[in-house]
Amino acid sequence: MATYEFTVSVRTQYLPDQSDPERTNFVFTYSITIKNTGTVAAQLISRHWVITDANNHVEEVRGLGVVGHQPLLQPGEHFEYTSGTALQTQQGSMFGEYFCVAEDGHQFETKIPEFVLSLPRTLH
Protein backbone atom coordinates (compact mmCIF):
# COMPACT_ATOMS: atom_id res chain seq x y z
CA MET A 1 0.00 0.00 0.00
CA ALA A 2 1.32 3.44 -0.94
CA THR A 3 2.18 5.92 1.80
CA TYR A 4 2.69 9.63 1.29
CA GLU A 5 4.85 11.24 3.92
CA PHE A 6 7.65 13.75 4.28
CA THR A 7 9.38 14.24 7.63
CA VAL A 8 10.73 17.68 8.52
CA SER A 9 13.50 18.61 10.96
CA VAL A 10 14.69 22.14 11.78
CA ARG A 11 17.81 23.83 13.21
CA THR A 12 17.81 27.56 14.01
CA GLN A 13 20.50 30.17 14.55
CA TYR A 14 20.54 33.83 15.59
CA LEU A 15 22.68 36.09 13.39
CA PRO A 16 24.02 38.91 15.60
CA ASP A 17 26.15 40.38 12.77
CA GLN A 18 23.01 40.94 10.62
CA SER A 19 20.78 42.08 13.50
CA ASP A 20 20.31 45.59 14.91
CA PRO A 21 18.79 45.33 18.42
CA GLU A 22 18.66 49.14 18.78
CA ARG A 23 16.25 49.20 15.82
CA THR A 24 14.40 46.10 17.06
CA ASN A 25 15.62 43.98 14.15
CA PHE A 26 16.62 40.40 15.05
CA VAL A 27 17.69 38.11 12.19
CA PHE A 28 17.49 34.32 12.36
CA THR A 29 18.24 31.48 9.98
CA TYR A 30 16.50 28.14 9.91
CA SER A 31 17.96 25.06 8.26
CA ILE A 32 15.37 22.52 7.15
CA THR A 33 15.79 18.88 6.22
CA ILE A 34 12.87 17.33 4.34
CA LYS A 35 12.97 13.54 3.99
CA ASN A 36 10.60 11.39 1.96
CA THR A 37 9.61 8.76 4.53
CA GLY A 38 6.78 7.49 2.35
CA THR A 39 6.80 4.78 -0.31
CA VAL A 40 6.09 6.95 -3.38
CA ALA A 41 8.29 9.62 -5.00
CA ALA A 42 6.83 13.08 -4.43
CA GLN A 43 7.55 16.69 -5.24
CA LEU A 44 7.36 19.67 -2.90
CA ILE A 45 5.30 22.26 -4.81
CA SER A 46 4.69 25.15 -2.40
CA ARG A 47 4.98 26.36 1.18
CA HIS A 48 2.96 28.25 3.78
CA TRP A 49 4.57 29.77 6.87
CA VAL A 50 3.05 31.42 9.94
CA ILE A 51 5.65 33.58 11.71
CA THR A 52 4.81 35.06 15.13
CA ASP A 53 6.97 37.38 17.21
CA ALA A 54 6.85 37.89 21.00
CA ASN A 55 4.36 40.77 20.54
CA ASN A 56 1.97 38.34 18.81
CA HIS A 57 2.52 40.08 15.46
CA VAL A 58 1.71 37.39 12.87
CA GLU A 59 3.01 37.27 9.31
CA GLU A 60 1.97 34.64 6.77
CA VAL A 61 4.16 33.73 3.82
CA ARG A 62 3.09 31.63 0.85
CA GLY A 63 5.06 30.75 -2.24
CA LEU A 64 6.18 28.18 -4.74
CA GLY A 65 8.90 25.77 -3.72
CA VAL A 66 11.66 26.47 -1.23
CA VAL A 67 14.68 28.69 -1.97
CA GLY A 68 13.91 28.52 -5.70
CA HIS A 69 13.53 24.73 -5.80
CA GLN A 70 10.66 22.27 -6.06
CA PRO A 71 12.57 19.12 -5.11
CA LEU A 72 11.37 15.71 -6.30
CA LEU A 73 12.28 13.19 -3.61
CA GLN A 74 12.39 9.44 -4.09
CA PRO A 75 11.54 7.33 -1.01
CA GLY A 76 14.41 7.71 1.47
CA GLU A 77 15.88 10.80 -0.21
CA HIS A 78 16.18 14.15 1.53
CA PHE A 79 16.59 17.81 0.63
CA GLU A 80 18.21 20.44 2.84
CA TYR A 81 18.03 24.20 2.63
CA THR A 82 18.64 27.28 4.74
CA SER A 83 16.52 30.41 4.76
CA GLY A 84 15.92 33.23 7.18
CA THR A 85 13.56 35.73 8.71
CA ALA A 86 13.74 38.94 10.70
CA LEU A 87 11.67 39.62 13.82
CA GLN A 88 11.04 42.82 15.76
CA THR A 89 11.47 40.92 19.04
CA GLN A 90 14.21 38.74 20.52
CA GLN A 91 12.01 35.67 20.32
CA GLY A 92 9.32 34.23 18.09
CA SER A 93 8.15 31.05 16.46
CA MET A 94 7.31 29.58 13.08
CA PHE A 95 5.22 26.69 11.78
CA GLY A 96 3.58 25.82 8.51
CA GLU A 97 3.14 23.23 5.82
CA TYR A 98 4.47 22.08 2.50
CA PHE A 99 2.07 21.14 -0.28
CA CYS A 100 3.26 18.10 -2.19
CA VAL A 101 2.26 15.98 -5.19
CA ALA A 102 3.27 12.33 -5.54
CA GLU A 103 4.28 10.76 -8.85
CA ASP A 104 0.91 9.00 -8.98
CA GLY A 105 -0.92 12.36 -8.71
CA HIS A 106 -1.91 12.06 -5.05
CA GLN A 107 -1.76 15.46 -3.29
CA PHE A 108 -0.82 15.77 0.38
CA GLU A 109 0.36 18.25 2.98
CA THR A 110 3.38 17.92 5.23
CA LYS A 111 3.13 19.79 8.51
CA ILE A 112 6.16 21.77 9.64
CA PRO A 113 6.18 21.52 13.43
CA GLU A 114 6.39 24.77 15.35
CA PHE A 115 9.91 25.83 16.27
CA VAL A 116 11.29 28.71 18.35
CA LEU A 117 13.53 31.51 17.13
CA SER A 118 15.38 32.96 20.12
CA LEU A 119 18.59 34.71 21.09
CA PRO A 120 21.02 32.38 22.80
CA ARG A 121 20.96 32.66 26.59
CA THR A 122 24.14 33.63 28.41
CA LEU A 123 25.07 32.69 31.95
CA HIS A 124 26.74 35.22 34.25
C-alpha atoms as a PDB file:
ATOM      1  CA  MET A   1       0.000   0.000   0.000  1.00  0.00           C
ATOM      2  CA  ALA A   2       1.321   3.435  -0.944  1.00  0.00           C
ATOM      3  CA  THR A   3       2.179   5.922   1.802  1.00  0.00           C
ATOM      4  CA  TYR A   4       2.688   9.632   1.290  1.00  0.00           C
ATOM      5  CA  GLU A   5       4.851  11.245   3.921  1.00  0.00           C
ATOM      6  CA  PHE A   6       7.649  13.745   4.275  1.00  0.00           C
ATOM      7  CA  THR A   7       9.384  14.236   7.627  1.00  0.00           C
ATOM      8  CA  VAL A   8      10.731  17.679   8.521  1.00  0.00           C
ATOM      9  CA  SER A   9      13.500  18.612  10.964  1.00  0.00           C
ATOM     10  CA  VAL A  10      14.692  22.136  11.776  1.00  0.00           C
ATOM     11  CA  ARG A  11      17.805  23.827  13.208  1.00  0.00           C
ATOM     12  CA  THR A  12      17.810  27.555  14.012  1.00  0.00           C
ATOM     13  CA  GLN A  13      20.500  30.168  14.554  1.00  0.00           C
ATOM     14  CA  TYR A  14      20.535  33.825  15.595  1.00  0.00           C
ATOM     15  CA  LEU A  15      22.683  36.093  13.389  1.00  0.00           C
ATOM     16  CA  PRO A  16      24.024  38.908  15.599  1.00  0.00           C
ATOM     17  CA  ASP A  17      26.147  40.381  12.772  1.00  0.00           C
ATOM     18  CA  GLN A  18      23.014  40.944  10.624  1.00  0.00           C
ATOM     19  CA  SER A  19      20.782  42.085  13.499  1.00  0.00           C
ATOM     20  CA  ASP A  20      20.311  45.587  14.914  1.00  0.00           C
ATOM     21  CA  PRO A  21      18.792  45.334  18.415  1.00  0.00           C
ATOM     22  CA  GLU A  22      18.657  49.140  18.780  1.00  0.00           C
ATOM     23  CA  ARG A  23      16.255  49.197  15.820  1.00  0.00           C
ATOM     24  CA  THR A  24      14.396  46.096  17.062  1.00  0.00           C
ATOM     25  CA  ASN A  25      15.624  43.978  14.149  1.00  0.00           C
ATOM     26  CA  PHE A  26      16.621  40.400  15.053  1.00  0.00           C
ATOM     27  CA  VAL A  27      17.687  38.111  12.186  1.00  0.00           C
ATOM     28  CA  PHE A  28      17.490  34.321  12.364  1.00  0.00           C
ATOM     29  CA  THR A  29      18.240  31.480   9.977  1.00  0.00           C
ATOM     30  CA  TYR A  30      16.501  28.142   9.909  1.00  0.00           C
ATOM     31  CA  SER A  31      17.957  25.057   8.258  1.00  0.00           C
ATOM     32  CA  ILE A  32      15.368  22.523   7.154  1.00  0.00           C
ATOM     33  CA  THR A  33      15.794  18.883   6.222  1.00  0.00           C
ATOM     34  CA  ILE A  34      12.870  17.332   4.339  1.00  0.00           C
ATOM     35  CA  LYS A  35      12.965  13.541   3.994  1.00  0.00           C
ATOM     36  CA  ASN A  36      10.598  11.390   1.962  1.00  0.00           C
ATOM     37  CA  THR A  37       9.614   8.761   4.530  1.00  0.00           C
ATOM     38  CA  GLY A  38       6.783   7.488   2.353  1.00  0.00           C
ATOM     39  CA  THR A  39       6.803   4.780  -0.310  1.00  0.00           C
ATOM     40  CA  VAL A  40       6.093   6.952  -3.380  1.00  0.00           C
ATOM     41  CA  ALA A  41       8.295   9.621  -5.002  1.00  0.00           C
ATOM     42  CA  ALA A  42       6.829  13.076  -4.434  1.00  0.00           C
ATOM     43  CA  GLN A  43       7.555  16.694  -5.238  1.00  0.00           C
ATOM     44  CA  LEU A  44       7.358  19.670  -2.897  1.00  0.00           C
ATOM     45  CA  ILE A  45       5.297  22.261  -4.809  1.00  0.00           C
ATOM     46  CA  SER A  46       4.689  25.150  -2.400  1.00  0.00           C
ATOM     47  CA  ARG A  47       4.979  26.358   1.184  1.00  0.00           C
ATOM     48  CA  HIS A  48       2.963  28.250   3.776  1.00  0.00           C
ATOM     49  CA  TRP A  49       4.572  29.772   6.873  1.00  0.00           C
ATOM     50  CA  VAL A  50       3.049  31.421   9.940  1.00  0.00           C
ATOM     51  CA  ILE A  51       5.647  33.585  11.712  1.00  0.00           C
ATOM     52  CA  THR A  52       4.807  35.064  15.128  1.00  0.00           C
ATOM     53  CA  ASP A  53       6.973  37.378  17.210  1.00  0.00           C
ATOM     54  CA  ALA A  54       6.848  37.889  21.004  1.00  0.00           C
ATOM     55  CA  ASN A  55       4.361  40.772  20.538  1.00  0.00           C
ATOM     56  CA  ASN A  56       1.967  38.336  18.806  1.00  0.00           C
ATOM     57  CA  HIS A  57       2.516  40.080  15.465  1.00  0.00           C
ATOM     58  CA  VAL A  58       1.709  37.387  12.871  1.00  0.00           C
ATOM     59  CA  GLU A  59       3.007  37.271   9.305  1.00  0.00           C
ATOM     60  CA  GLU A  60       1.973  34.641   6.773  1.00  0.00           C
ATOM     61  CA  VAL A  61       4.162  33.730   3.823  1.00  0.00           C
ATOM     62  CA  ARG A  62       3.095  31.627   0.845  1.00  0.00           C
ATOM     63  CA  GLY A  63       5.058  30.748  -2.235  1.00  0.00           C
ATOM     64  CA  LEU A  64       6.180  28.179  -4.743  1.00  0.00           C
ATOM     65  CA  GLY A  65       8.898  25.766  -3.723  1.00  0.00           C
ATOM     66  CA  VAL A  66      11.658  26.470  -1.226  1.00  0.00           C
ATOM     67  CA  VAL A  67      14.683  28.692  -1.971  1.00  0.00           C
ATOM     68  CA  GLY A  68      13.913  28.518  -5.697  1.00  0.00           C
ATOM     69  CA  HIS A  69      13.532  24.732  -5.796  1.00  0.00           C
ATOM     70  CA  GLN A  70      10.657  22.273  -6.060  1.00  0.00           C
ATOM     71  CA  PRO A  71      12.566  19.116  -5.113  1.00  0.00           C
ATOM     72  CA  LEU A  72      11.368  15.709  -6.295  1.00  0.00           C
ATOM     73  CA  LEU A  73      12.283  13.191  -3.606  1.00  0.00           C
ATOM     74  CA  GLN A  74      12.385   9.443  -4.086  1.00  0.00           C
ATOM     75  CA  PRO A  75      11.541   7.330  -1.012  1.00  0.00           C
ATOM     76  CA  GLY A  76      14.412   7.706   1.466  1.00  0.00           C
ATOM     77  CA  GLU A  77      15.883  10.804  -0.212  1.00  0.00           C
ATOM     78  CA  HIS A  78      16.182  14.147   1.534  1.00  0.00           C
ATOM     79  CA  PHE A  79      16.588  17.814   0.630  1.00  0.00           C
ATOM     80  CA  GLU A  80      18.215  20.435   2.838  1.00  0.00           C
ATOM     81  CA  TYR A  81      18.027  24.205   2.635  1.00  0.00           C
ATOM     82  CA  THR A  82      18.636  27.284   4.745  1.00  0.00           C
ATOM     83  CA  SER A  83      16.521  30.410   4.758  1.00  0.00           C
ATOM     84  CA  GLY A  84      15.921  33.227   7.183  1.00  0.00           C
ATOM     85  CA  THR A  85      13.556  35.725   8.713  1.00  0.00           C
ATOM     86  CA  ALA A  86      13.740  38.940  10.704  1.00  0.00           C
ATOM     87  CA  LEU A  87      11.674  39.621  13.823  1.00  0.00           C
ATOM     88  CA  GLN A  88      11.041  42.820  15.758  1.00  0.00           C
ATOM     89  CA  THR A  89      11.466  40.924  19.037  1.00  0.00           C
ATOM     90  CA  GLN A  90      14.206  38.737  20.522  1.00  0.00           C
ATOM     91  CA  GLN A  91      12.014  35.666  20.316  1.00  0.00           C
ATOM     92  CA  GLY A  92       9.325  34.231  18.091  1.00  0.00           C
ATOM     93  CA  SER A  93       8.151  31.050  16.459  1.00  0.00           C
ATOM     94  CA  MET A  94       7.314  29.578  13.079  1.00  0.00           C
ATOM     95  CA  PHE A  95       5.217  26.695  11.784  1.00  0.00           C
ATOM     96  CA  GLY A  96       3.583  25.824   8.505  1.00  0.00           C
ATOM     97  CA  GLU A  97       3.135  23.227   5.824  1.00  0.00           C
ATOM     98  CA  TYR A  98       4.467  22.079   2.497  1.00  0.00           C
ATOM     99  CA  PHE A  99       2.071  21.145  -0.282  1.00  0.00           C
ATOM    100  CA  CYS A 100       3.261  18.100  -2.194  1.00  0.00           C
ATOM    101  CA  VAL A 101       2.258  15.977  -5.192  1.00  0.00           C
ATOM    102  CA  ALA A 102       3.266  12.328  -5.539  1.00  0.00           C
ATOM    103  CA  GLU A 103       4.280  10.760  -8.849  1.00  0.00           C
ATOM    104  CA  ASP A 104       0.914   8.996  -8.985  1.00  0.00           C
ATOM    105  CA  GLY A 105      -0.915  12.355  -8.714  1.00  0.00           C
ATOM    106  CA  HIS A 106      -1.907  12.062  -5.048  1.00  0.00           C
ATOM    107  CA  GLN A 107      -1.756  15.458  -3.291  1.00  0.00           C
ATOM    108  CA  PHE A 108      -0.819  15.766   0.381  1.00  0.00           C
ATOM    109  CA  GLU A 109       0.362  18.251   2.980  1.00  0.00           C
ATOM    110  CA  THR A 110       3.384  17.922   5.232  1.00  0.00           C
ATOM    111  CA  LYS A 111       3.128  19.791   8.506  1.00  0.00           C
ATOM    112  CA  ILE A 112       6.161  21.767   9.637  1.00  0.00           C
ATOM    113  CA  PRO A 113       6.181  21.516  13.430  1.00  0.00           C
ATOM    114  CA  GLU A 114       6.390  24.768  15.353  1.00  0.00           C
ATOM    115  CA  PHE A 115       9.915  25.831  16.275  1.00  0.00           C
ATOM    116  CA  VAL A 116      11.286  28.705  18.346  1.00  0.00           C
ATOM    117  CA  LEU A 117      13.528  31.512  17.128  1.00  0.00           C
ATOM    118  CA  SER A 118      15.382  32.965  20.119  1.00  0.00           C
ATOM    119  CA  LEU A 119      18.587  34.709  21.090  1.00  0.00           C
ATOM    120  CA  PRO A 120      21.019  32.385  22.800  1.00  0.00           C
ATOM    121  CA  ARG A 121      20.960  32.658  26.588  1.00  0.00           C
ATOM    122  CA  THR A 122      24.140  33.629  28.406  1.00  0.00           C
ATOM    123  CA  LEU A 123      25.067  32.693  31.947  1.00  0.00           C
ATOM    124  CA  HIS A 124      26.737  35.225  34.247  1.00  0.00           C
END
